[in-house]
Protein backbone atom coordinates (compact mmCIF):
# COMPACT_ATOMS: atom_id res chain seq x y z
CA MET A 1 -207.02 -1.17 13.03
CA ILE A 2 -208.03 -0.27 16.60
CA GLN A 3 -211.45 1.39 16.96
CA PRO A 4 -210.93 5.08 17.73
CA ASP A 5 -213.61 5.28 20.45
CA LEU A 6 -212.30 2.48 22.68
CA ILE A 7 -212.25 3.05 26.42
CA ARG A 8 -208.63 3.87 27.15
CA LYS A 9 -208.58 4.35 30.92
CA VAL A 10 -210.37 2.02 33.33
CA VAL A 11 -210.08 2.96 37.01
CA ILE A 12 -211.11 0.51 39.74
CA VAL A 13 -211.66 2.22 43.08
CA GLY A 14 -211.23 -0.17 45.99
CA GLY A 15 -209.47 -3.51 46.31
CA GLY A 16 -210.58 -6.53 48.28
CA THR A 17 -212.26 -9.46 46.59
CA ALA A 18 -214.44 -7.35 44.29
CA GLY A 19 -211.68 -5.00 43.19
CA TRP A 20 -209.13 -7.65 42.39
CA MET A 21 -211.66 -9.95 40.72
CA ALA A 22 -212.53 -7.03 38.45
CA ALA A 23 -208.88 -6.19 37.87
CA ALA A 24 -207.98 -9.78 36.99
CA ALA A 25 -210.87 -10.10 34.54
CA LEU A 26 -210.44 -6.65 32.95
CA SER A 27 -206.70 -7.18 32.54
CA ARG A 28 -207.64 -8.96 29.30
CA LEU A 29 -208.40 -5.53 27.82
CA ILE A 30 -204.78 -4.45 28.18
CA ALA A 31 -203.83 -6.80 25.34
CA ASN A 32 -205.35 -4.36 22.81
CA GLY A 33 -202.38 -2.07 23.41
CA VAL A 34 -204.61 0.93 24.10
CA THR A 35 -206.58 0.32 27.29
CA SER A 36 -205.01 0.68 30.72
CA VAL A 37 -206.44 -0.65 33.98
CA THR A 38 -205.58 1.06 37.27
CA LEU A 39 -206.71 -0.05 40.72
CA VAL A 40 -206.66 2.47 43.56
CA GLU A 41 -206.86 1.23 47.14
CA SER A 42 -205.73 2.29 50.57
CA ASP A 43 -204.02 0.01 53.05
CA THR A 44 -205.66 2.06 55.82
CA ILE A 45 -209.18 1.02 54.75
CA GLY A 46 -210.09 -2.53 55.75
CA THR A 47 -212.15 -4.97 53.72
CA VAL A 48 -215.21 -6.89 54.86
CA GLY A 49 -214.06 -10.32 53.66
CA VAL A 50 -214.03 -12.78 56.58
CA GLY A 51 -213.69 -16.03 54.65
CA GLU A 52 -215.85 -17.12 51.78
CA ALA A 53 -217.95 -20.04 50.65
CA THR A 54 -218.82 -20.11 46.97
CA ILE A 55 -221.08 -21.85 44.45
CA PRO A 56 -220.00 -23.81 41.34
CA PRO A 57 -219.90 -20.91 38.82
CA ILE A 58 -216.71 -19.68 40.55
CA ARG A 59 -214.95 -22.47 38.66
CA THR A 60 -215.96 -20.85 35.36
CA PHE A 61 -214.49 -17.53 36.49
CA ASN A 62 -211.21 -19.11 37.58
CA GLU A 63 -211.01 -21.04 34.31
CA LEU A 64 -211.58 -17.81 32.36
CA LEU A 65 -208.51 -16.39 34.09
CA GLY A 66 -206.53 -19.56 33.43
CA LEU A 67 -206.01 -20.30 37.13
CA ASP A 68 -204.83 -23.74 38.13
CA GLU A 69 -207.34 -25.18 40.62
CA ARG A 70 -204.82 -26.85 42.90
CA GLU A 71 -202.45 -23.87 42.98
CA PHE A 72 -205.40 -21.62 43.74
CA LEU A 73 -206.45 -23.83 46.66
CA LYS A 74 -202.90 -23.95 48.00
CA ALA A 75 -202.62 -20.16 47.84
CA THR A 76 -205.98 -19.53 49.52
CA ARG A 77 -205.76 -22.40 52.07
CA GLY A 78 -208.98 -23.58 50.46
CA SER A 79 -211.12 -26.69 50.57
CA TYR A 80 -213.82 -28.17 48.35
CA LYS A 81 -217.52 -27.62 48.81
CA LEU A 82 -220.28 -30.01 47.71
CA ALA A 83 -223.27 -28.72 49.67
CA ILE A 84 -224.70 -26.49 52.36
CA GLU A 85 -226.00 -28.24 55.46
CA PHE A 86 -228.93 -26.53 57.21
CA VAL A 87 -229.25 -27.41 60.88
CA ASP A 88 -232.39 -26.53 62.87
CA TRP A 89 -233.82 -24.36 60.09
CA THR A 90 -237.02 -26.32 59.61
CA ARG A 91 -237.33 -26.88 63.35
CA PRO A 92 -234.90 -27.68 66.19
CA GLY A 93 -233.33 -31.11 65.77
CA HIS A 94 -233.93 -31.24 61.99
CA THR A 95 -231.15 -31.19 59.40
CA TYR A 96 -231.23 -31.14 55.61
CA GLN A 97 -228.82 -30.37 52.77
CA HIS A 98 -228.78 -28.19 49.72
CA PRO A 99 -226.26 -30.14 47.62
CA PHE A 100 -224.92 -29.23 44.19
CA GLY A 101 -225.93 -31.22 41.13
CA PRO A 102 -229.22 -32.93 40.27
CA PHE A 103 -231.40 -35.24 42.30
CA GLY A 104 -232.06 -38.60 40.66
CA ALA A 105 -233.02 -38.80 37.01
CA ASP A 106 -236.23 -37.89 35.21
CA ILE A 107 -238.36 -40.75 33.85
CA ASN A 108 -240.27 -40.38 30.59
CA ALA A 109 -239.86 -36.57 30.80
CA VAL A 110 -241.47 -36.48 34.25
CA LYS A 111 -239.40 -34.79 36.95
CA PHE A 112 -237.66 -37.09 39.43
CA HIS A 113 -239.01 -35.24 42.44
CA GLN A 114 -242.55 -36.07 41.32
CA PHE A 115 -241.78 -39.79 41.57
CA TRP A 116 -240.07 -39.26 44.90
CA LEU A 117 -243.12 -37.42 46.26
CA LYS A 118 -245.36 -40.42 45.52
CA MET A 119 -242.93 -43.09 46.63
CA HIS A 120 -242.01 -41.26 49.83
CA ARG A 121 -245.69 -40.90 50.64
CA GLU A 122 -246.05 -44.66 50.14
CA GLY A 123 -243.04 -45.38 52.36
CA ARG A 124 -241.05 -46.78 49.43
CA ALA A 125 -238.36 -44.10 49.10
CA SER A 126 -235.70 -42.91 51.53
CA GLY A 127 -234.76 -39.26 52.20
CA PHE A 128 -234.61 -36.94 49.21
CA GLY A 129 -230.90 -36.29 49.77
CA ASP A 130 -230.06 -39.98 49.22
CA TYR A 131 -230.57 -39.44 45.49
CA ASN A 132 -227.91 -36.75 45.04
CA LEU A 133 -224.26 -37.77 44.70
CA CYS A 134 -222.80 -34.51 46.03
CA GLY A 135 -225.04 -34.68 49.08
CA VAL A 136 -224.15 -38.27 49.90
CA ALA A 137 -220.42 -37.62 49.36
CA ALA A 138 -220.63 -34.55 51.61
CA ARG A 139 -222.21 -36.56 54.43
CA LEU A 140 -219.38 -39.12 54.09
CA ASN A 141 -216.70 -36.37 53.98
CA ARG A 142 -215.58 -37.61 50.56
CA PHE A 143 -214.26 -35.75 47.55
CA GLY A 144 -212.26 -36.57 44.42
CA ALA A 145 -212.47 -37.89 40.89
CA LEU A 146 -214.83 -40.81 40.44
CA PRO A 147 -213.20 -44.06 39.31
CA PRO A 148 -214.17 -44.94 35.70
CA GLN A 149 -216.50 -47.75 36.77
CA HIS A 150 -218.66 -45.30 38.74
CA ARG A 151 -218.95 -42.54 36.15
CA SER A 152 -222.36 -42.34 34.56
CA PRO A 153 -225.14 -39.86 33.79
CA LEU A 154 -226.55 -40.81 37.20
CA THR A 155 -223.46 -39.66 39.10
CA PRO A 156 -222.53 -36.11 38.02
CA MET A 157 -220.20 -34.21 40.34
CA SER A 158 -220.40 -30.47 40.85
CA TRP A 159 -218.38 -28.50 43.36
CA ALA A 160 -217.32 -25.09 44.58
CA TYR A 161 -214.79 -23.93 47.18
CA HIS A 162 -214.21 -22.53 50.63
CA PHE A 163 -211.25 -20.16 50.77
CA ASP A 164 -209.69 -17.24 52.60
CA ALA A 165 -211.06 -14.15 50.85
CA ALA A 166 -208.04 -11.97 51.69
CA ARG A 167 -205.69 -14.59 50.23
CA TYR A 168 -207.87 -14.88 47.13
CA ALA A 169 -207.61 -11.12 46.62
CA ARG A 170 -203.80 -11.31 46.92
CA PHE A 171 -203.70 -14.26 44.52
CA LEU A 172 -205.74 -12.30 41.96
CA ARG A 173 -203.61 -9.20 42.52
CA ASP A 174 -200.50 -11.13 41.52
CA HIS A 175 -202.35 -12.41 38.44
CA ALA A 176 -203.62 -8.95 37.47
CA GLU A 177 -200.36 -7.08 38.03
CA ALA A 178 -198.46 -9.68 36.01
CA ARG A 179 -200.76 -8.78 33.10
CA GLY A 180 -200.30 -5.04 33.33
CA VAL A 181 -202.79 -3.77 35.92
CA VAL A 182 -201.28 -0.85 37.85
CA ARG A 183 -202.02 -0.50 41.56
CA GLN A 184 -201.93 2.92 43.18
CA GLU A 185 -201.94 3.30 46.93
CA GLY A 186 -204.05 6.15 48.22
CA LYS A 187 -207.25 7.25 49.90
CA VAL A 188 -209.87 9.01 47.79
CA VAL A 189 -210.79 12.41 49.25
CA SER A 190 -212.88 13.84 46.42
CA VAL A 191 -214.41 13.01 43.06
CA ASP A 192 -214.33 15.37 40.07
CA GLN A 193 -217.29 15.32 37.69
CA ARG A 194 -217.62 16.80 34.23
CA PRO A 195 -219.83 19.89 34.50
CA GLU A 196 -221.62 19.24 31.22
CA ASP A 197 -223.05 15.77 32.01
CA GLY A 198 -222.02 14.73 35.53
CA PHE A 199 -219.78 11.89 34.35
CA ILE A 200 -216.88 11.13 36.66
CA ASP A 201 -213.71 12.71 35.31
CA ALA A 202 -211.20 11.80 38.01
CA ILE A 203 -210.71 10.82 41.64
CA VAL A 204 -208.43 12.88 43.86
CA LEU A 205 -206.23 11.16 46.46
CA ASP A 206 -205.17 12.38 49.88
CA ASP A 207 -201.70 13.32 48.62
CA GLY A 208 -203.13 15.49 45.84
CA ARG A 209 -202.73 13.02 42.98
CA ARG A 210 -205.52 13.09 40.42
CA VAL A 211 -206.37 9.77 38.75
CA GLU A 212 -208.30 10.35 35.54
CA GLY A 213 -210.42 7.73 33.84
CA GLU A 214 -213.15 7.07 31.31
CA LEU A 215 -214.79 4.08 33.00
CA PHE A 216 -214.86 3.80 36.80
CA ILE A 217 -215.58 0.60 38.76
CA ASP A 218 -216.82 1.23 42.29
CA CYS A 219 -215.58 -1.48 44.66
CA THR A 220 -215.67 0.68 47.80
CA GLY A 221 -218.01 -1.59 49.74
CA PHE A 222 -221.07 -0.43 51.63
CA ARG A 223 -219.92 3.22 51.31
CA GLY A 224 -220.59 3.26 47.57
CA LEU A 225 -218.21 6.20 47.28
CA LEU A 226 -218.81 6.70 43.57
CA ILE A 227 -222.16 5.06 42.80
CA GLU A 228 -224.04 6.50 45.80
CA GLN A 229 -222.13 9.31 47.48
CA THR A 230 -221.26 10.91 44.14
CA LEU A 231 -223.85 9.72 41.60
CA LYS A 232 -226.82 9.24 43.96
CA ALA A 233 -227.96 5.91 42.48
CA GLY A 234 -230.45 5.33 45.29
CA PHE A 235 -231.02 2.24 47.42
CA GLU A 236 -233.94 -0.20 47.58
CA ASP A 237 -234.28 -1.48 51.15
CA TRP A 238 -235.31 -5.13 51.63
CA SER A 239 -234.91 -5.30 55.40
CA HIS A 240 -238.69 -5.82 55.81
CA TRP A 241 -238.17 -9.24 54.20
CA LEU A 242 -234.62 -9.89 55.46
CA PRO A 243 -234.43 -8.28 58.92
CA CYS A 244 -230.96 -9.54 59.89
CA ASP A 245 -228.69 -6.47 59.94
CA ARG A 246 -225.57 -7.56 61.81
CA ALA A 247 -222.92 -10.25 61.76
CA VAL A 248 -220.24 -11.15 64.27
CA ALA A 249 -217.32 -13.04 62.74
CA VAL A 250 -214.64 -15.15 64.43
CA GLN A 251 -211.91 -17.46 63.19
CA CYS A 252 -210.89 -20.54 65.13
CA LEU A 253 -208.68 -23.60 64.92
CA ASN A 254 -210.19 -26.71 63.38
CA ASP A 255 -210.35 -29.64 65.79
CA ASN A 256 -212.76 -31.55 63.53
CA ALA A 257 -212.78 -32.89 59.99
CA ILE A 258 -212.31 -30.54 57.04
CA SER A 259 -215.81 -31.18 55.82
CA PRO A 260 -216.63 -30.59 52.13
CA PHE A 261 -219.69 -28.53 52.92
CA THR A 262 -220.72 -25.24 54.50
CA ARG A 263 -222.91 -25.45 57.60
CA SER A 264 -225.67 -23.01 58.51
CA THR A 265 -227.19 -23.46 61.97
CA ALA A 266 -230.34 -21.56 62.91
CA ARG A 267 -230.11 -19.58 66.16
CA ASP A 268 -232.78 -17.68 68.07
CA ALA A 269 -232.10 -14.39 66.30
CA GLY A 270 -230.55 -15.53 63.02
CA TRP A 271 -228.06 -18.19 61.94
CA GLN A 272 -224.43 -19.21 62.37
CA TRP A 273 -222.12 -20.15 59.51
CA ARG A 274 -219.22 -22.59 59.52
CA ILE A 275 -216.69 -22.50 56.66
CA PRO A 276 -213.81 -25.02 57.01
CA LEU A 277 -210.45 -24.11 55.49
CA GLN A 278 -207.18 -26.03 55.62
CA HIS A 279 -205.73 -23.95 58.46
CA ARG A 280 -208.80 -22.71 60.33
CA VAL A 281 -212.57 -22.45 60.42
CA GLY A 282 -214.39 -19.25 59.61
CA THR A 283 -217.55 -18.84 61.64
CA GLY A 284 -220.00 -16.13 62.55
CA TYR A 285 -223.54 -15.24 63.49
CA VAL A 286 -225.84 -13.33 61.12
CA TYR A 287 -228.52 -11.81 63.33
CA SER A 288 -231.21 -9.19 63.83
CA SER A 289 -230.08 -6.46 66.23
CA ALA A 290 -233.74 -5.97 67.16
CA HIS A 291 -233.76 -9.45 68.70
CA ILE A 292 -230.33 -9.86 70.29
CA SER A 293 -227.50 -7.58 71.43
CA ASP A 294 -224.04 -7.55 69.89
CA ASP A 295 -222.52 -8.93 73.10
CA GLN A 296 -225.07 -11.76 73.25
CA ALA A 297 -224.40 -12.62 69.60
CA ALA A 298 -220.65 -12.71 70.20
CA ASP A 299 -221.14 -14.94 73.26
CA THR A 300 -223.28 -17.32 71.16
CA VAL A 301 -220.56 -17.66 68.54
CA LEU A 302 -217.78 -18.16 71.09
CA ALA A 303 -219.83 -20.88 72.78
CA ASN A 304 -220.19 -22.79 69.51
CA LEU A 305 -216.69 -22.93 68.01
CA ASP A 306 -214.84 -25.94 66.59
CA GLY A 307 -211.65 -25.05 68.42
CA LYS A 308 -209.65 -22.27 70.06
CA PRO A 309 -210.45 -18.80 68.64
CA VAL A 310 -207.57 -17.14 66.78
CA THR A 311 -209.27 -13.75 66.28
CA ASP A 312 -211.47 -11.55 68.42
CA PRO A 313 -215.15 -11.23 67.47
CA ARG A 314 -215.66 -8.63 64.76
CA ILE A 315 -219.03 -6.88 64.37
CA LEU A 316 -220.28 -5.98 60.90
CA SER A 317 -223.37 -3.90 60.16
CA PHE A 318 -225.35 -4.06 56.92
CA ARG A 319 -228.72 -3.54 55.32
CA ALA A 320 -230.29 -5.95 52.85
CA GLY A 321 -231.12 -4.41 49.51
CA ARG A 322 -229.65 -3.14 46.26
CA ARG A 323 -228.76 0.04 44.44
CA ARG A 324 -231.60 1.13 42.22
CA LYS A 325 -229.04 1.23 39.43
CA ALA A 326 -225.70 -0.56 39.52
CA TRP A 327 -224.47 1.34 36.44
CA VAL A 328 -224.88 5.13 36.40
CA LYS A 329 -223.23 7.30 33.73
CA ASN A 330 -219.63 5.99 33.47
CA CYS A 331 -219.58 4.13 36.80
CA VAL A 332 -220.36 0.45 37.50
CA ALA A 333 -220.71 -0.77 41.08
CA LEU A 334 -219.56 -4.27 42.03
CA GLY A 335 -219.75 -6.24 45.25
CA LEU A 336 -221.08 -4.53 48.37
CA ALA A 337 -221.15 -1.19 46.55
CA SER A 338 -223.96 -2.56 44.38
CA GLY A 339 -226.04 -4.07 47.20
CA PHE A 340 -226.08 -6.74 49.87
CA LEU A 341 -227.73 -10.10 50.45
CA GLU A 342 -226.73 -12.10 53.49
CA PRO A 343 -224.42 -15.02 52.62
CA LEU A 344 -226.93 -17.76 53.42
CA GLU A 345 -226.55 -19.37 49.99
CA SER A 346 -222.96 -18.23 49.36
CA THR A 347 -223.89 -15.79 46.59
CA SER A 348 -221.73 -12.78 47.50
CA ILE A 349 -218.78 -13.66 45.28
CA HIS A 350 -221.08 -14.93 42.56
CA LEU A 351 -222.79 -11.54 42.35
CA ILE A 352 -219.37 -9.94 41.82
CA GLN A 353 -218.61 -12.51 39.13
CA ALA A 354 -221.99 -11.99 37.47
CA GLY A 355 -221.49 -8.23 37.44
CA ILE A 356 -218.09 -8.62 35.80
CA THR A 357 -219.45 -11.07 33.25
CA LYS A 358 -222.26 -8.69 32.26
CA LEU A 359 -219.83 -5.78 32.10
CA LEU A 360 -217.57 -7.68 29.71
CA ALA A 361 -220.58 -8.64 27.58
CA LEU A 362 -221.81 -5.02 27.46
CA PHE A 363 -218.44 -3.26 27.66
CA PRO A 364 -218.90 0.34 26.59
CA HIS A 365 -217.25 2.56 24.04
CA GLN A 366 -216.59 6.19 24.90
CA GLY A 367 -220.13 7.15 23.94
CA PHE A 368 -221.67 4.96 26.70
CA ASP A 369 -224.73 3.65 24.88
CA PRO A 370 -227.71 4.16 27.24
CA VAL A 371 -229.44 1.06 25.83
CA ALA A 372 -226.52 -1.13 26.96
CA ILE A 373 -226.49 0.54 30.38
CA ASP A 374 -230.22 -0.03 30.80
CA GLU A 375 -229.81 -3.69 29.85
CA TYR A 376 -227.01 -4.14 32.38
CA ASN A 377 -229.19 -2.66 35.11
CA ARG A 378 -232.21 -4.74 34.09
CA LEU A 379 -230.27 -7.99 34.15
CA THR A 380 -228.57 -7.10 37.43
CA ASN A 381 -231.86 -6.24 39.13
CA VAL A 382 -233.62 -9.40 37.91
CA GLN A 383 -230.85 -11.67 39.15
CA ILE A 384 -230.47 -10.19 42.61
CA GLU A 385 -234.26 -10.23 43.07
CA GLN A 386 -234.37 -13.92 42.15
CA ILE A 387 -231.62 -14.67 44.68
CA ARG A 388 -233.45 -12.53 47.24
CA ASP A 389 -236.56 -14.69 46.83
CA PHE A 390 -234.56 -17.88 47.30
CA ILE A 391 -233.06 -16.58 50.54
CA ILE A 392 -236.43 -15.38 51.84
CA LEU A 393 -237.79 -18.90 51.22
CA HIS A 394 -235.45 -20.33 53.88
CA TYR A 395 -236.79 -17.94 56.49
CA HIS A 396 -240.44 -18.08 55.47
CA ALA A 397 -240.68 -21.89 55.37
CA ASN A 398 -239.73 -22.44 59.00
CA GLU A 399 -241.50 -24.24 61.85
CA ARG A 400 -239.51 -22.59 64.68
CA THR A 401 -242.54 -21.38 66.63
CA GLY A 402 -242.37 -19.22 69.74
CA LEU A 403 -239.37 -17.10 68.68
CA ASP A 404 -240.05 -13.49 67.68
CA LEU A 405 -237.79 -13.35 64.61
CA TRP A 406 -238.87 -16.71 63.24
CA ASP A 407 -242.56 -16.11 63.89
CA HIS A 408 -242.29 -12.81 62.02
CA VAL A 409 -240.58 -14.16 58.90
CA ARG A 410 -242.89 -17.18 58.76
CA THR A 411 -246.05 -15.07 58.81
CA MET A 412 -244.92 -11.96 56.89
CA ALA A 413 -246.11 -11.07 53.39
CA ILE A 414 -243.52 -12.18 50.86
CA PRO A 415 -242.72 -10.92 47.33
CA ASP A 416 -245.36 -11.83 44.75
CA SER A 417 -242.72 -13.59 42.67
CA LEU A 418 -241.92 -15.98 45.54
CA GLN A 419 -245.56 -16.43 46.50
CA HIS A 420 -246.32 -17.55 42.94
CA LYS A 421 -243.58 -20.20 43.07
CA LEU A 422 -244.83 -21.48 46.41
CA ASP A 423 -248.47 -21.62 45.31
CA LEU A 424 -247.55 -23.53 42.17
CA PHE A 425 -245.42 -26.04 44.08
CA ARG A 426 -247.93 -26.57 46.87
CA GLY A 427 -250.60 -27.51 44.35
CA ALA A 428 -248.95 -30.43 42.56
CA GLY A 429 -245.19 -30.10 42.96
CA ARG A 430 -244.84 -27.94 39.85
CA PHE A 431 -241.91 -25.58 39.48
CA PHE A 432 -240.82 -23.32 36.63
CA ARG A 433 -237.81 -21.04 36.54
CA HIS A 434 -236.50 -18.37 34.22
CA GLU A 435 -233.76 -19.56 31.89
CA ASP A 436 -231.22 -17.14 33.37
CA GLU A 437 -232.15 -17.82 37.00
CA LEU A 438 -229.11 -18.68 39.09
CA PHE A 439 -230.54 -21.47 41.22
CA ALA A 440 -231.64 -24.56 39.33
CA GLU A 441 -234.81 -26.49 39.98
CA SER A 442 -232.80 -28.99 42.05
CA SER A 443 -231.77 -26.19 44.43
CA TRP A 444 -235.35 -25.10 44.95
CA MET A 445 -236.41 -28.73 45.50
CA ALA A 446 -233.67 -29.19 48.09
CA VAL A 447 -234.93 -26.28 50.19
CA LEU A 448 -238.66 -26.76 49.63
CA ILE A 449 -238.61 -30.46 50.47
CA GLY A 450 -235.85 -29.98 53.06
CA GLN A 451 -238.03 -27.51 54.94
CA ASN A 452 -241.12 -29.68 54.69
CA VAL A 453 -242.99 -27.67 52.06
CA MET A 454 -244.93 -30.58 50.59
CA PRO A 455 -247.47 -30.36 47.74
CA GLU A 456 -251.03 -31.63 48.07
CA ARG A 457 -250.68 -33.82 44.98
CA TYR A 458 -248.06 -35.09 42.55
CA ASP A 459 -247.98 -35.09 38.75
CA PRO A 460 -250.69 -37.51 37.44
CA LEU A 461 -248.23 -38.83 34.84
CA VAL A 462 -246.39 -40.55 37.69
CA ASP A 463 -249.27 -43.05 37.96
CA SER A 464 -248.75 -44.12 34.34
CA ILE A 465 -245.71 -46.17 35.39
CA PRO A 466 -246.16 -49.24 37.62
CA GLU A 467 -245.26 -48.47 41.20
CA ASP A 468 -243.04 -51.54 41.54
CA ASP A 469 -241.01 -50.46 38.51
CA VAL A 470 -240.53 -46.99 39.98
CA ALA A 471 -239.55 -48.41 43.38
CA ARG A 472 -237.01 -50.73 41.77
CA ALA A 473 -235.50 -47.93 39.67
CA MET A 474 -235.21 -45.63 42.67
CA GLU A 475 -233.53 -48.27 44.79
CA GLU A 476 -231.02 -48.98 42.03
CA LEU A 477 -230.35 -45.26 41.73
CA ARG A 478 -229.89 -44.83 45.46
CA THR A 479 -227.48 -47.77 45.58
CA THR A 480 -225.50 -46.53 42.57
CA ILE A 481 -225.06 -43.12 44.17
CA ARG A 482 -224.07 -44.56 47.54
CA VAL A 483 -221.47 -46.90 46.03
CA ALA A 484 -220.06 -44.10 43.88
CA ALA A 485 -219.76 -41.77 46.88
CA GLU A 486 -218.04 -44.47 48.94
CA SER A 487 -215.47 -44.92 46.15
CA LEU A 488 -214.25 -41.33 46.58
CA PRO A 489 -211.22 -40.45 48.71
CA ASP A 490 -211.55 -38.83 52.11
CA HIS A 491 -211.76 -35.07 51.56
CA ALA A 492 -208.97 -34.18 54.00
CA ASP A 493 -206.71 -36.84 52.49
CA PHE A 494 -207.40 -35.55 48.99
CA LEU A 495 -206.47 -32.01 50.06
CA ALA A 496 -203.32 -33.24 51.78
CA ARG A 497 -202.20 -35.10 48.64
CA HIS A 498 -203.05 -32.49 46.02
CA CYS A 499 -203.80 -29.04 47.44
CA ALA A 500 -202.05 -28.70 50.80
CA ALA A 501 -200.67 -25.27 51.59
CA PRO A 502 -197.03 -25.32 52.75
CA ASP A 503 -196.89 -25.26 56.55
CA PRO A 504 -200.33 -23.66 56.95
CA GLU A 505 -199.97 -23.48 60.74
CA SER A 506 -196.98 -21.19 60.36
CA VAL A 507 -198.88 -18.66 58.27
CA PRO A 508 -200.90 -15.98 60.11
CA ALA A 509 -204.66 -16.23 59.65
C-alpha cells in the first residue's frame, strides 16, 4: 500500500547540469506510480556551463543512474582525470600536483607523510608526488587498467572525468525522459505562494500556463528565482576570503596531448584553467576585477591557448558565498542557486551531486518535517564551508610576493577552522578531518606540502624505526609505483580505443 502523504508532484525549475542531474536522479521516484517529475526550462535562457572537470565521486553518481562509463565519455567527448596540476601557485616556476588516491602506505599505524617529512629532510626521499600512482601516471600521460602483476594495495587507482557540461546535460536529459520525466518549455514570469504559510504553490510561465507542485527544486543559477527572489533565503558573502569575482572562458582546438589531468596556472590577478576534452580544450581565467580589467583578462587567456580559439571570450560574473539556507519551506536549491565556489578544485558538480544525495536521504512527505529540513541545511553548510577552507588554503599558502592580489590573500585573516588545521600541521605534521569531509587527508597533504607549508617537527614515532629500513621501504614503494604507471596505456590511445566520440571534429563545440 502506497503511503497517502507521498510527494506527488516534483517540479524542477531550470535545466543545465544541475537541473538534469536532479531530474535523472529523481526519476527513480516515478517508479512508485504516484510521483511525477516535471522539469521547466527555457531555451532562451543560457546556462553557465563552459566545460567541467570533476572529482572521483562523480563515478558513484553515474553508477547510481546505471550509466555506462564508456558510452558516457563518448556522448560528452570526455577524457579521464587523475590529478590537478598547479603551476606557479607556490611561486613562479614551481609546479606541484594534487593527485587522486593515497600517497605511499602507512607504517605501524604512523602516517606515510610523517616518514616522508623526515626522509626528505635527510635527503633520502624524492618528491612527495613520486609516491602516488595517479600523480605519476598523470605526469606520464597514462591511463587504463593495471595489468594483474602490478595490482596491489600499494597501487590503487582513482579517477574522475573532464567532459562537455552541455553534452552531459543532454545525455542526462535523454536518461531522465526515458524514465518518465516530463520537460516543459517556458520562461517563469511569476511564482504563486500559498497565503497561509508562504509555501510555493505553482510557477506561472510566459504563455500563461500554471505548473503546480508540492516540492520545487531551484536550478535557476545565480538568479535563485525561487530560493532567493521568492523565499528570501539570504546570502552569506565570502568574497573577503575569495576575492575573484569574474571569469573569462574560451574554447580552443587541442594541438597538444589529451592529458589526464586538469591544469591550474596562477596569473597576476587569479588563475587560468585548462580542461582537455577529446575535441577541444576548455580554458579560462578566474580573476579579481579589482586587479585586472575584463579586456586584459581576455587578452591573457587568448595569449595562452593550446590552439586556435573556436569561441569568442565569454565573461562571467559571480560572488563567492552560499545561501544561508539551501532548503526553505518546500524549495531546495541546487547548483549555482545554492551558492558558488570557484572551480579551483573541481567541486561545482560535486556540490550538485551532494545536494541531490542529501535530498534523496531526507526526501520529504507532504508535511515537510522541519527537523529533516534543518538537518539538510546543516549538512549542506558544513560541507561547503569545509570546501571553502580548502580553496582558501591554495591562495593563503602562496609565495608570490609583490602582486597586490597575492599579497592580500597571503596576509589576510582566514577562517578559524582553517587556521586551526594549519597550526596543527605546522607543529608536527598532524592533521585531523571530520568523517564526512569531502577532501581526504591525502588531498590536504598534496596542497600543504606542494605549497611548501612544512611542519617544524615530525611524529616522534617515526624515529622508532631504523632510518635505513624506512629508506629502503620508500625506495621500493617509489619503484613499484613508477613501474606500475609505466605499464599503463597512453591516455589518448586508451580513449581512441574505448571511448572515442564518432567524428568529434564534425560536431559543433
